[in-house]
Amino acid sequence: MTRHKSLLLSAVVAAAAASGAAVAAPETYTIDSSHTYPSFKAAHIGGISFWRGKIDKNSGAVTLDRAAKTGSIEILMDMTSIDFGHEKMNEHARKDDIFDVAKYPNATYKSTRVVFTGDTITSVEGNLTLHGVTKPVTLTVNQFKCIPHPFYKREVCGADASAVIDRTEFGVGYGVGKTIPDGKVTLEIQVEALKDEAAGPG
């Protein structure tokens, strides 16, 4: 092989490697807290109806590597912002016999594995920390979609995810076995995350 051909081959290989690295690079997104709503549904007084509430303040980040079919998700939920739409219930929920937000002001969800089916996320395995207790929780992703944001001109991804937990496993057992049949709570997380802008020249 001539020196010219060798140099040309090296350049092609280097360009291909650089192109592959660019395609495989993970993309990062910041959760849009104004369009993200961790919420829950739990039985009320003998299971005759359901209380629904949400966490008004949240933050977090998402990383996606579509080529490698991997990613990560982390959401922080400010439990002092819990909102049932009923102020007396909000005040009680913050007290030490339920969520004890003075001692445990935050709950977190951190993924350990993001499961893809094709190009779509279909479930997320991870750990939920609530009331100072950490337990594995798998979220079923009912919908996942990414589009160009019409205002910010960057990609935005959204998802609707859900899971059922037993709150007694997290040390939140108020009313269970007395006025409430069990500690089952349905978690629902509607999340939107905006792709981070690429860093400029250093």
Protein backbone atom coordinates (compact mmCIF):
# COMPACT_ATOMS: atom_id res chain seq x y z
CA MET A 1 0.00 0.00 0.00
CA THR A 2 1.37 3.41 -0.95
CA ARG A 3 1.89 6.09 1.70
CA HIS A 4 -0.87 8.19 0.07
CA LYS A 5 -3.41 5.35 0.26
CA SER A 6 -2.40 4.57 3.84
CA LEU A 7 -2.94 8.18 4.91
CA LEU A 8 -6.29 8.26 3.08
CA LEU A 9 -7.45 5.03 4.77
CA SER A 10 -6.40 6.38 8.18
CA ALA A 11 -8.37 9.56 7.57
CA VAL A 12 -11.48 7.60 6.56
CA VAL A 13 -11.27 5.36 9.64
CA ALA A 14 -10.77 8.37 11.92
CA ALA A 15 -13.73 10.19 10.36
CA ALA A 16 -15.94 7.12 10.72
CA ALA A 17 -14.92 6.71 14.34
CA ALA A 18 -15.60 10.37 15.04
CA SER A 19 -18.96 10.13 13.31
CA GLY A 20 -19.88 7.01 15.32
CA ALA A 21 -18.86 8.67 18.56
CA ALA A 22 -21.03 11.67 17.75
CA VAL A 23 -24.05 9.53 17.01
CA ALA A 24 -23.60 7.46 20.17
CA ALA A 25 -22.99 10.41 22.47
CA PRO A 26 -25.55 10.64 25.30
CA GLU A 27 -27.92 13.61 25.16
CA THR A 28 -28.91 15.43 28.33
CA TYR A 29 -32.22 17.06 29.20
CA THR A 30 -33.37 19.21 32.10
CA ILE A 31 -36.82 18.55 33.52
CA ASP A 32 -39.28 21.39 32.95
CA SER A 33 -40.75 21.66 36.44
CA SER A 34 -43.65 23.81 35.24
CA HIS A 35 -44.83 20.95 33.01
CA THR A 36 -43.93 17.99 35.24
CA TYR A 37 -46.47 16.62 37.70
CA PRO A 38 -45.66 13.74 40.05
CA SER A 39 -49.06 12.74 41.43
CA PHE A 40 -50.71 9.94 43.38
CA LYS A 41 -54.03 8.29 44.16
CA ALA A 42 -54.86 6.56 47.46
CA ALA A 43 -57.96 5.13 49.13
CA HIS A 44 -59.92 7.29 51.58
CA ILE A 45 -62.04 6.09 54.57
CA GLY A 46 -62.81 2.45 53.97
CA GLY A 47 -62.02 2.74 50.28
CA ILE A 48 -65.29 4.52 49.48
CA SER A 49 -63.42 7.06 47.34
CA PHE A 50 -59.89 8.10 46.42
CA TRP A 51 -57.75 11.05 47.44
CA ARG A 52 -55.69 12.50 44.63
CA GLY A 53 -52.75 14.78 45.16
CA LYS A 54 -49.63 16.08 43.48
CA ILE A 55 -46.20 17.47 44.25
CA ASP A 56 -46.07 21.04 43.00
CA LYS A 57 -42.28 21.57 43.19
CA ASN A 58 -39.84 19.25 41.46
CA SER A 59 -36.59 19.16 39.50
CA GLY A 60 -34.37 16.66 37.77
CA ALA A 61 -32.51 15.50 34.71
CA VAL A 62 -32.69 12.89 31.95
CA THR A 63 -29.90 11.34 29.87
CA LEU A 64 -30.62 9.39 26.70
CA ASP A 65 -28.29 7.42 24.45
CA ARG A 66 -30.59 6.23 21.70
CA ALA A 67 -27.85 4.36 19.82
CA ALA A 68 -26.88 2.32 22.88
CA LYS A 69 -30.51 2.06 24.12
CA THR A 70 -29.52 3.34 27.54
CA GLY A 71 -30.35 6.31 29.71
CA SER A 72 -30.90 7.65 33.18
CA ILE A 73 -33.60 9.60 34.98
CA GLU A 74 -33.51 11.43 38.28
CA ILE A 75 -36.42 13.38 39.79
CA LEU A 76 -36.40 15.27 43.07
CA MET A 77 -39.80 16.01 44.64
CA ASP A 78 -40.28 18.67 47.30
CA MET A 79 -42.66 17.02 49.78
CA THR A 80 -43.38 20.35 51.47
CA SER A 81 -45.30 21.27 48.30
CA ILE A 82 -47.73 18.34 48.56
CA ASP A 83 -51.19 19.44 47.40
CA PHE A 84 -54.49 17.56 47.72
CA GLY A 85 -56.55 20.59 46.81
CA HIS A 86 -57.66 20.62 50.47
CA GLU A 87 -55.58 22.77 52.79
CA LYS A 88 -56.40 20.91 56.03
CA MET A 89 -55.36 17.65 54.39
CA ASN A 90 -52.18 19.30 53.11
CA GLU A 91 -51.31 20.44 56.63
CA HIS A 92 -51.95 16.98 58.08
CA ALA A 93 -49.98 15.21 55.36
CA ARG A 94 -46.92 17.31 56.22
CA LYS A 95 -47.01 16.35 59.90
CA ASP A 96 -44.88 13.65 61.52
CA ASP A 97 -47.62 10.98 61.56
CA ILE A 98 -47.73 10.93 57.76
CA PHE A 99 -44.86 12.31 55.60
CA ASP A 100 -42.99 14.23 58.33
CA VAL A 101 -41.69 16.82 55.87
CA ALA A 102 -39.72 18.65 58.55
CA LYS A 103 -37.47 15.58 58.79
CA TYR A 104 -37.86 14.26 55.23
CA PRO A 105 -38.45 17.30 52.99
CA ASN A 106 -37.63 15.54 49.73
CA ALA A 107 -38.48 12.35 47.88
CA THR A 108 -36.37 11.14 44.95
CA TYR A 109 -36.61 8.68 42.10
CA LYS A 110 -33.33 7.53 40.54
CA SER A 111 -33.25 5.06 37.68
CA THR A 112 -30.97 2.05 37.56
CA ARG A 113 -32.06 0.93 34.08
CA VAL A 114 -34.05 2.48 31.25
CA VAL A 115 -35.72 -0.13 29.03
CA PHE A 116 -36.21 0.59 25.32
CA THR A 117 -38.47 -1.18 22.85
CA GLY A 118 -37.14 0.00 19.51
CA ASP A 119 -36.60 3.74 19.90
CA THR A 120 -39.22 4.14 22.63
CA ILE A 121 -38.78 3.93 26.40
CA THR A 122 -41.29 1.43 27.76
CA SER A 123 -40.23 1.08 31.40
CA VAL A 124 -37.79 2.44 33.95
CA GLU A 125 -36.28 0.44 36.81
CA GLY A 126 -35.05 2.43 39.76
CA ASN A 127 -35.21 3.34 43.41
CA LEU A 128 -37.77 5.54 45.13
CA THR A 129 -36.69 7.25 48.34
CA LEU A 130 -39.66 8.40 50.40
CA HIS A 131 -39.91 9.19 54.12
CA GLY A 132 -36.23 8.27 54.47
CA VAL A 133 -36.74 4.76 53.05
CA THR A 134 -35.42 3.55 49.69
CA LYS A 135 -37.17 0.76 47.78
CA PRO A 136 -36.99 -0.50 44.18
CA VAL A 137 -39.86 0.71 42.01
CA THR A 138 -40.42 -0.01 38.32
CA LEU A 139 -42.30 2.61 36.34
CA THR A 140 -44.37 1.55 33.34
CA VAL A 141 -43.97 4.17 30.63
CA ASN A 142 -47.39 4.48 29.02
CA GLN A 143 -46.28 7.11 26.52
CA PHE A 144 -42.93 8.53 25.39
CA LYS A 145 -42.43 11.10 22.66
CA CYS A 146 -39.82 13.66 21.56
CA ILE A 147 -40.51 16.64 19.26
CA PRO A 148 -38.91 19.99 18.37
CA HIS A 149 -40.17 22.50 20.95
CA PRO A 150 -42.27 25.10 19.10
CA PHE A 151 -40.94 28.01 21.21
CA TYR A 152 -37.45 27.07 22.42
CA LYS A 153 -36.39 25.51 19.10
CA ARG A 154 -34.79 22.59 20.93
CA GLU A 155 -35.90 19.01 21.32
CA VAL A 156 -38.33 18.34 24.14
CA CYS A 157 -39.27 14.87 25.36
CA GLY A 158 -42.35 13.94 27.32
CA ALA A 159 -43.52 10.81 29.09
CA ASP A 160 -46.41 9.47 31.12
CA ALA A 161 -45.33 6.85 33.66
CA SER A 162 -47.06 4.97 36.46
CA ALA A 163 -46.51 2.41 39.22
CA VAL A 164 -48.30 1.00 42.27
CA ILE A 165 -46.49 1.02 45.62
CA ASP A 166 -47.37 0.07 49.19
CA ARG A 167 -46.76 3.14 51.31
CA THR A 168 -46.45 1.07 54.48
CA GLU A 169 -43.14 -0.25 53.08
CA PHE A 170 -41.88 3.34 53.30
CA GLY A 171 -43.02 3.77 56.90
CA VAL A 172 -46.13 5.77 55.97
CA GLY A 173 -48.85 3.67 57.55
CA TYR A 174 -51.32 6.27 58.81
CA GLY A 175 -54.88 4.84 58.85
CA VAL A 176 -53.98 1.51 57.23
CA GLY A 177 -55.95 -1.36 58.77
CA LYS A 178 -58.23 1.10 60.55
CA THR A 179 -60.03 3.51 58.26
CA ILE A 180 -58.18 2.41 55.10
CA PRO A 181 -58.04 -1.20 53.82
CA ASP A 182 -54.44 -1.17 52.59
CA GLY A 183 -51.49 1.05 51.79
CA LYS A 184 -51.62 0.79 48.00
CA VAL A 185 -50.90 4.07 46.23
CA THR A 186 -50.87 4.64 42.47
CA LEU A 187 -48.05 6.91 41.39
CA GLU A 188 -48.34 8.82 38.13
CA ILE A 189 -45.59 11.02 36.72
CA GLN A 190 -46.21 13.27 33.75
CA VAL A 191 -42.83 14.69 32.77
CA GLU A 192 -41.44 17.02 30.14
CA ALA A 193 -37.69 17.61 29.71
CA LEU A 194 -35.96 20.11 27.45
CA LYS A 195 -32.73 19.19 25.70
CA ASP A 196 -29.73 21.06 27.09
CA GLU A 197 -28.04 23.51 24.75
CA ALA A 198 -24.60 22.52 23.57
CA ALA A 199 -21.80 24.27 25.41
CA GLY A 200 -20.13 27.06 23.46
CA PRO A 201 -16.39 27.41 22.81
CA GLY A 202 -14.38 27.35 26.04
